[in-house]
């Protein structure tokens, strides 16, 4: 017998007599339809915005090194 923290009980083909779980199909957000969608588009946009200037700063550093080597 499987006992969930939500109170749901069901049988399984396990060799153990008793199994205690915290989440089952009756209370898991994916199965109940109460799950939240993650805003992955927002995360990608923040990442692009954060690292958009990396190439520009590399070019500036490269130009300053070339200037120093030239003088």
PDB file of N, CA and C in Angstrom:
ATOM      1  N   UNK A   1       0.853  -1.172   0.000  1.00  0.00           N
ATOM      2  CA  UNK A   1       0.000   0.000   0.000  1.00  0.00           C
ATOM      3  C   UNK A   1       0.902   1.239   0.000  1.00  0.00           C
ATOM      4  N   UNK A   2       0.577   2.188  -0.864  1.00  0.00           N
ATOM      5  CA  UNK A   2       1.309   3.451  -0.942  1.00  0.00           C
ATOM      6  C   UNK A   2       0.466   4.518  -0.267  1.00  0.00           C
ATOM      7  N   UNK A   3       1.084   5.270   0.641  1.00  0.00           N
ATOM      8  CA  UNK A   3       0.411   6.345   1.366  1.00  0.00           C
ATOM      9  C   UNK A   3       1.065   7.663   0.974  1.00  0.00           C
ATOM     10  N   UNK A   4       0.259   8.589   0.471  1.00  0.00           N
ATOM     11  CA  UNK A   4       0.770   9.908   0.086  1.00  0.00           C
ATOM     12  C   UNK A   4       0.499  10.904   1.207  1.00  0.00           C
ATOM     13  N   UNK A   5       1.277  11.979   1.234  1.00  0.00           N
ATOM     14  CA  UNK A   5       1.102  13.023   2.242  1.00  0.00           C
ATOM     15  C   UNK A   5      -0.245  13.729   2.095  1.00  0.00           C
ATOM     16  N   UNK A   6      -0.813  13.709   0.880  1.00  0.00           N
ATOM     17  CA  UNK A   6      -2.110  14.356   0.657  1.00  0.00           C
ATOM     18  C   UNK A   6      -3.270  13.509   1.175  1.00  0.00           C
ATOM     19  N   UNK A   7      -2.987  12.253   1.552  1.00  0.00           N
ATOM     20  CA  UNK A   7      -4.019  11.372   2.079  1.00  0.00           C
ATOM     21  C   UNK A   7      -4.466  10.296   1.103  1.00  0.00           C
ATOM     22  N   UNK A   8      -4.048  10.403  -0.134  1.00  0.00           N
ATOM     23  CA  UNK A   8      -4.420   9.406  -1.149  1.00  0.00           C
ATOM     24  C   UNK A   8      -3.662   8.106  -0.895  1.00  0.00           C
ATOM     25  N   UNK A   9      -4.360   6.988  -1.029  1.00  0.00           N
ATOM     26  CA  UNK A   9      -3.745   5.670  -0.847  1.00  0.00           C
ATOM     27  C   UNK A   9      -4.053   4.812  -2.060  1.00  0.00           C
ATOM     28  N   UNK A  10      -3.067   4.029  -2.491  1.00  0.00           N
ATOM     29  CA  UNK A  10      -3.282   3.113  -3.604  1.00  0.00           C
ATOM     30  C   UNK A  10      -2.314   1.953  -3.498  1.00  0.00           C
ATOM     31  N   UNK A  11      -2.652   0.883  -4.205  1.00  0.00           N
ATOM     32  CA  UNK A  11      -1.817  -0.316  -4.176  1.00  0.00           C
ATOM     33  C   UNK A  11      -0.903  -0.346  -5.387  1.00  0.00           C
ATOM     34  N   UNK A  12       0.257  -0.955  -5.202  1.00  0.00           N
ATOM     35  CA  UNK A  12       1.219  -1.113  -6.281  1.00  0.00           C
ATOM     36  C   UNK A  12       1.792  -2.526  -6.208  1.00  0.00           C
ATOM     37  N   UNK A  13       2.539  -2.909  -7.192  1.00  0.00           N
ATOM     38  CA  UNK A  13       3.097  -4.256  -7.219  1.00  0.00           C
ATOM     39  C   UNK A  13       4.434  -4.370  -6.531  1.00  0.00           C
ATOM     40  N   UNK A  14       4.679  -3.574  -5.527  1.00  0.00           N
ATOM     41  CA  UNK A  14       5.948  -3.585  -4.807  1.00  0.00           C
ATOM     42  C   UNK A  14       6.015  -4.749  -3.825  1.00  0.00           C
ATOM     43  N   UNK A  15       7.233  -5.139  -3.501  1.00  0.00           N
ATOM     44  CA  UNK A  15       7.422  -6.189  -2.497  1.00  0.00           C
ATOM     45  C   UNK A  15       7.341  -5.631  -1.082  1.00  0.00           C
ATOM     46  N   UNK A  16       7.428  -4.313  -0.948  1.00  0.00           N
ATOM     47  CA  UNK A  16       7.289  -3.682   0.365  1.00  0.00           C
ATOM     48  C   UNK A  16       5.812  -3.631   0.751  1.00  0.00           C
ATOM     49  N   UNK A  17       5.550  -3.784   2.033  1.00  0.00           N
ATOM     50  CA  UNK A  17       4.163  -3.751   2.497  1.00  0.00           C
ATOM     51  C   UNK A  17       3.608  -2.336   2.516  1.00  0.00           C
ATOM     52  N   UNK A  18       4.472  -1.370   2.876  1.00  0.00           N
ATOM     53  CA  UNK A  18       4.011   0.006   3.009  1.00  0.00           C
ATOM     54  C   UNK A  18       5.056   0.960   2.440  1.00  0.00           C
ATOM     55  N   UNK A  19       4.599   1.920   1.634  1.00  0.00           N
ATOM     56  CA  UNK A  19       5.470   2.945   1.056  1.00  0.00           C
ATOM     57  C   UNK A  19       4.837   4.297   1.352  1.00  0.00           C
ATOM     58  N   UNK A  20       5.654   5.234   1.825  1.00  0.00           N
ATOM     59  CA  UNK A  20       5.163   6.585   2.090  1.00  0.00           C
ATOM     60  C   UNK A  20       5.822   7.540   1.097  1.00  0.00           C
ATOM     61  N   UNK A  21       5.001   8.345   0.415  1.00  0.00           N
ATOM     62  CA  UNK A  21       5.492   9.317  -0.562  1.00  0.00           C
ATOM     63  C   UNK A  21       4.933  10.691  -0.231  1.00  0.00           C
ATOM     64  N   UNK A  22       5.622  11.725  -0.702  1.00  0.00           N
ATOM     65  CA  UNK A  22       5.171  13.092  -0.463  1.00  0.00           C
ATOM     66  C   UNK A  22       4.237  13.584  -1.561  1.00  0.00           C
ATOM     67  N   UNK A  23       4.463  13.114  -2.789  1.00  0.00           N
ATOM     68  CA  UNK A  23       3.672  13.574  -3.930  1.00  0.00           C
ATOM     69  C   UNK A  23       3.213  12.369  -4.748  1.00  0.00           C
ATOM     70  N   UNK A  24       1.953  12.388  -5.147  1.00  0.00           N
ATOM     71  CA  UNK A  24       1.411  11.324  -6.004  1.00  0.00           C
ATOM     72  C   UNK A  24       0.691  11.966  -7.188  1.00  0.00           C
ATOM     73  N   UNK A  25       0.087  11.154  -8.017  1.00  0.00           N
ATOM     74  CA  UNK A  25      -0.604  11.676  -9.195  1.00  0.00           C
ATOM     75  C   UNK A  25      -1.853  12.475  -8.831  1.00  0.00           C
ATOM     76  N   UNK A  26      -2.351  12.310  -7.632  1.00  0.00           N
ATOM     77  CA  UNK A  26      -3.541  13.042  -7.199  1.00  0.00           C
ATOM     78  C   UNK A  26      -3.224  14.466  -6.738  1.00  0.00           C
ATOM     79  N   UNK A  27      -1.976  14.717  -6.331  1.00  0.00           N
ATOM     80  CA  UNK A  27      -1.640  16.040  -5.805  1.00  0.00           C
ATOM     81  C   UNK A  27      -0.503  16.726  -6.564  1.00  0.00           C
ATOM     82  N   UNK A  28       0.141  16.044  -7.514  1.00  0.00           N
ATOM     83  CA  UNK A  28       1.240  16.647  -8.271  1.00  0.00           C
ATOM     84  C   UNK A  28       0.680  17.697  -9.231  1.00  0.00           C
ATOM     85  N   UNK A  29       1.277  18.897  -9.292  1.00  0.00           N
ATOM     86  CA  UNK A  29       0.765  19.981 -10.145  1.00  0.00           C
ATOM     87  C   UNK A  29       0.634  19.608 -11.623  1.00  0.00           C
ATOM     88  N   UNK A  30       1.515  18.768 -12.128  1.00  0.00           N
ATOM     89  CA  UNK A  30       1.435  18.390 -13.540  1.00  0.00           C
ATOM     90  C   UNK A  30       0.149  17.618 -13.833  1.00  0.00           C
ATOM     91  N   UNK A  31      -0.206  16.719 -12.953  1.00  0.00           N
ATOM     92  CA  UNK A  31      -1.382  15.882 -13.173  1.00  0.00           C
ATOM     93  C   UNK A  31      -2.683  16.580 -12.793  1.00  0.00           C
ATOM     94  N   UNK A  32      -2.626  17.533 -11.885  1.00  0.00           N
ATOM     95  CA  UNK A  32      -3.843  18.219 -11.457  1.00  0.00           C
ATOM     96  C   UNK A  32      -4.173  19.404 -12.350  1.00  0.00           C
ATOM     97  N   UNK A  33      -3.237  19.827 -13.200  1.00  0.00           N
ATOM     98  CA  UNK A  33      -3.477  20.960 -14.090  1.00  0.00           C
ATOM     99  C   UNK A  33      -3.244  22.298 -13.431  1.00  0.00           C
ATOM    100  N   UNK A  34      -2.630  22.311 -12.278  1.00  0.00           N
ATOM    101  CA  UNK A  34      -2.387  23.554 -11.552  1.00  0.00           C
ATOM    102  C   UNK A  34      -0.937  24.007 -11.649  1.00  0.00           C
ATOM    103  N   UNK A  35      -0.199  23.485 -12.632  1.00  0.00           N
ATOM    104  CA  UNK A  35       1.210  23.849 -12.752  1.00  0.00           C
ATOM    105  C   UNK A  35       1.353  25.190 -13.469  1.00  0.00           C
ATOM    106  N   UNK A  36       2.440  25.884 -13.186  1.00  0.00           N
ATOM    107  CA  UNK A  36       2.712  27.185 -13.778  1.00  0.00           C
ATOM    108  C   UNK A  36       3.701  27.013 -14.920  1.00  0.00           C
ATOM    109  N   UNK A  37       3.499  27.766 -15.973  1.00  0.00           N
ATOM    110  CA  UNK A  37       4.440  27.747 -17.085  1.00  0.00           C
ATOM    111  C   UNK A  37       5.561  28.731 -16.791  1.00  0.00           C
ATOM    112  N   UNK A  38       6.774  28.324 -17.063  1.00  0.00           N
ATOM    113  CA  UNK A  38       7.927  29.179 -16.823  1.00  0.00           C
ATOM    114  C   UNK A  38       8.115  30.100 -18.019  1.00  0.00           C
ATOM    115  N   UNK A  39       8.378  31.337 -17.745  1.00  0.00           N
ATOM    116  CA  UNK A  39       8.576  32.324 -18.801  1.00  0.00           C
ATOM    117  C   UNK A  39       9.986  32.195 -19.360  1.00  0.00           C
ATOM    118  N   UNK A  40      10.201  31.216 -20.218  1.00  0.00           N
ATOM    119  CA  UNK A  40      11.539  30.993 -20.772  1.00  0.00           C
ATOM    120  C   UNK A  40      11.909  32.086 -21.752  1.00  0.00           C
ATOM    121  N   UNK A  41      10.929  32.652 -22.440  1.00  0.00           N
ATOM    122  CA  UNK A  41      11.228  33.724 -23.386  1.00  0.00           C
ATOM    123  C   UNK A  41      11.803  34.924 -22.645  1.00  0.00           C
ATOM    124  N   UNK A  42      11.270  35.234 -21.505  1.00  0.00           N
ATOM    125  CA  UNK A  42      11.790  36.346 -20.714  1.00  0.00           C
ATOM    126  C   UNK A  42      13.196  36.086 -20.232  1.00  0.00           C
ATOM    127  N   UNK A  43      13.491  34.860 -19.887  1.00  0.00           N
ATOM    128  CA  UNK A  43      14.831  34.501 -19.437  1.00  0.00           C
ATOM    129  C   UNK A  43      15.836  34.638 -20.570  1.00  0.00           C
ATOM    130  N   UNK A  44      15.444  34.187 -21.755  1.00  0.00           N
ATOM    131  CA  UNK A  44      16.338  34.276 -22.911  1.00  0.00           C
ATOM    132  C   UNK A  44      16.612  35.735 -23.246  1.00  0.00           C
ATOM    133  N   UNK A  45      15.575  36.549 -23.219  1.00  0.00           N
ATOM    134  CA  UNK A  45      15.744  37.971 -23.519  1.00  0.00           C
ATOM    135  C   UNK A  45      16.664  38.647 -22.500  1.00  0.00           C
ATOM    136  N   UNK A  46      16.512  38.306 -21.233  1.00  0.00           N
ATOM    137  CA  UNK A  46      17.397  38.881 -20.215  1.00  0.00           C
ATOM    138  C   UNK A  46      18.832  38.445 -20.431  1.00  0.00           C
ATOM    139  N   UNK A  47      19.034  37.188 -20.812  1.00  0.00           N
ATOM    140  CA  UNK A  47      20.381  36.684 -21.077  1.00  0.00           C
ATOM    141  C   UNK A  47      21.004  37.434 -22.253  1.00  0.00           C
ATOM    142  N   UNK A  48      20.254  37.578 -23.331  1.00  0.00           N
ATOM    143  CA  UNK A  48      20.764  38.288 -24.511  1.00  0.00           C
ATOM    144  C   UNK A  48      21.093  39.740 -24.172  1.00  0.00           C
ATOM    145  N   UNK A  49      20.228  40.365 -23.399  1.00  0.00           N
ATOM    146  CA  UNK A  49      20.451  41.758 -23.018  1.00  0.00           C
ATOM    147  C   UNK A  49      21.701  41.885 -22.148  1.00  0.00           C
ATOM    148  N   UNK A  50      21.881  40.943 -21.247  1.00  0.00           N
ATOM    149  CA  UNK A  50      23.015  40.981 -20.328  1.00  0.00           C
ATOM    150  C   UNK A  50      24.345  40.825 -21.057  1.00  0.00           C
ATOM    151  N   UNK A  51      24.383  39.925 -22.050  1.00  0.00           N
ATOM    152  CA  UNK A  51      25.636  39.626 -22.730  1.00  0.00           C
ATOM    153  C   UNK A  51      25.742  40.249 -24.120  1.00  0.00           C
ATOM    154  N   UNK A  52      24.866  41.189 -24.445  1.00  0.00           N
ATOM    155  CA  UNK A  52      24.900  41.838 -25.756  1.00  0.00           C
ATOM    156  C   UNK A  52      26.151  42.691 -25.923  1.00  0.00           C
ATOM    157  N   UNK A  53      26.644  43.271 -24.861  1.00  0.00           N
ATOM    158  CA  UNK A  53      27.783  44.180 -24.949  1.00  0.00           C
ATOM    159  C   UNK A  53      29.129  43.481 -24.828  1.00  0.00           C
ATOM    160  N   UNK A  54      29.144  42.184 -24.668  1.00  0.00           N
ATOM    161  CA  UNK A  54      30.400  41.452 -24.503  1.00  0.00           C
ATOM    162  C   UNK A  54      31.259  41.573 -25.752  1.00  0.00           C
ATOM    163  N   UNK A  55      30.667  41.400 -26.936  1.00  0.00           N
ATOM    164  CA  UNK A  55      31.429  41.512 -28.179  1.00  0.00           C
ATOM    165  C   UNK A  55      31.970  42.925 -28.363  1.00  0.00           C
ATOM    166  N   UNK A  56      31.173  43.914 -28.015  1.00  0.00           N
ATOM    167  CA  UNK A  56      31.610  45.306 -28.144  1.00  0.00           C
ATOM    168  C   UNK A  56      32.805  45.582 -27.234  1.00  0.00           C
ATOM    169  N   UNK A  57      32.739  45.096 -26.006  1.00  0.00           N
ATOM    170  CA  UNK A  57      33.836  45.344 -25.071  1.00  0.00           C
ATOM    171  C   UNK A  57      35.093  44.603 -25.500  1.00  0.00           C
ATOM    172  N   UNK A  58      34.956  43.426 -26.108  1.00  0.00           N
ATOM    173  CA  UNK A  58      36.126  42.698 -26.608  1.00  0.00           C
ATOM    174  C   UNK A  58      36.803  43.477 -27.724  1.00  0.00           C
ATOM    175  N   UNK A  59      36.013  44.098 -28.596  1.00  0.00           N
ATOM    176  CA  UNK A  59      36.573  44.889 -29.696  1.00  0.00           C
ATOM    177  C   UNK A  59      37.311  46.107 -29.156  1.00  0.00           C
ATOM    178  N   UNK A  60      36.764  46.735 -28.136  1.00  0.00           N
ATOM    179  CA  UNK A  60      37.397  47.913 -27.540  1.00  0.00           C
ATOM    180  C   UNK A  60      38.727  47.527 -26.912  1.00  0.00           C
ATOM    181  N   UNK A  61      38.764  46.419 -26.192  1.00  0.00           N
ATOM    182  CA  UNK A  61      39.998  45.946 -25.562  1.00  0.00           C
ATOM    183  C   UNK A  61      41.030  45.609 -26.625  1.00  0.00           C
ATOM    184  N   UNK A  62      40.603  44.978 -27.687  1.00  0.00           N
ATOM    185  CA  UNK A  62      41.514  44.601 -28.770  1.00  0.00           C
ATOM    186  C   UNK A  62      42.111  45.843 -29.425  1.00  0.00           C
ATOM    187  N   UNK A  63      41.298  46.860 -29.670  1.00  0.00           N
ATOM    188  CA  UNK A  63      41.786  48.102 -30.279  1.00  0.00           C
ATOM    189  C   UNK A  63      42.785  48.798 -29.366  1.00  0.00           C
ATOM    190  N   UNK A  64      42.507  48.814 -28.067  1.00  0.00           N
ATOM    191  CA  UNK A  64      43.420  49.482 -27.142  1.00  0.00           C
ATOM    192  C   UNK A  64      44.745  48.727 -27.055  1.00  0.00           C
ATOM    193  N   UNK A  65      44.726  47.413 -27.140  1.00  0.00           N
ATOM    194  CA  UNK A  65      45.963  46.628 -27.139  1.00  0.00           C
ATOM    195  C   UNK A  65      46.770  46.890 -28.404  1.00  0.00           C
ATOM    196  N   UNK A  66      46.078  46.985 -29.534  1.00  0.00           N
ATOM    197  CA  UNK A  66      46.764  47.263 -30.794  1.00  0.00           C
ATOM    198  C   UNK A  66      47.414  48.639 -30.754  1.00  0.00           C
ATOM    199  N   UNK A  67      46.744  49.605 -30.124  1.00  0.00           N
ATOM    200  CA  UNK A  67      47.299  50.953 -29.994  1.00  0.00           C
ATOM    201  C   UNK A  67      48.569  50.923 -29.155  1.00  0.00           C
ATOM    202  N   UNK A  68      48.526  50.194 -28.048  1.00  0.00           N
ATOM    203  CA  UNK A  68      49.679  50.117 -27.156  1.00  0.00           C
ATOM    204  C   UNK A  68      50.848  49.433 -27.844  1.00  0.00           C
ATOM    205  N   UNK A  69      50.593  48.396 -28.604  1.00  0.00           N
ATOM    206  CA  UNK A  69      51.655  47.686 -29.306  1.00  0.00           C
ATOM    207  C   UNK A  69      52.227  48.532 -30.434  1.00  0.00           C
ATOM    208  N   UNK A  70      51.414  49.373 -31.038  1.00  0.00           N
ATOM    209  CA  UNK A  70      51.855  50.230 -32.137  1.00  0.00           C
ATOM    210  C   UNK A  70      52.732  51.377 -31.651  1.00  0.00           C
ATOM    211  N   UNK A  71      52.535  51.840 -30.442  1.00  0.00           N
ATOM    212  CA  UNK A  71      53.303  52.992 -29.911  1.00  0.00           C
ATOM    213  C   UNK A  71      54.536  52.573 -29.221  1.00  0.00           C
TER     214      UNK A  71
END
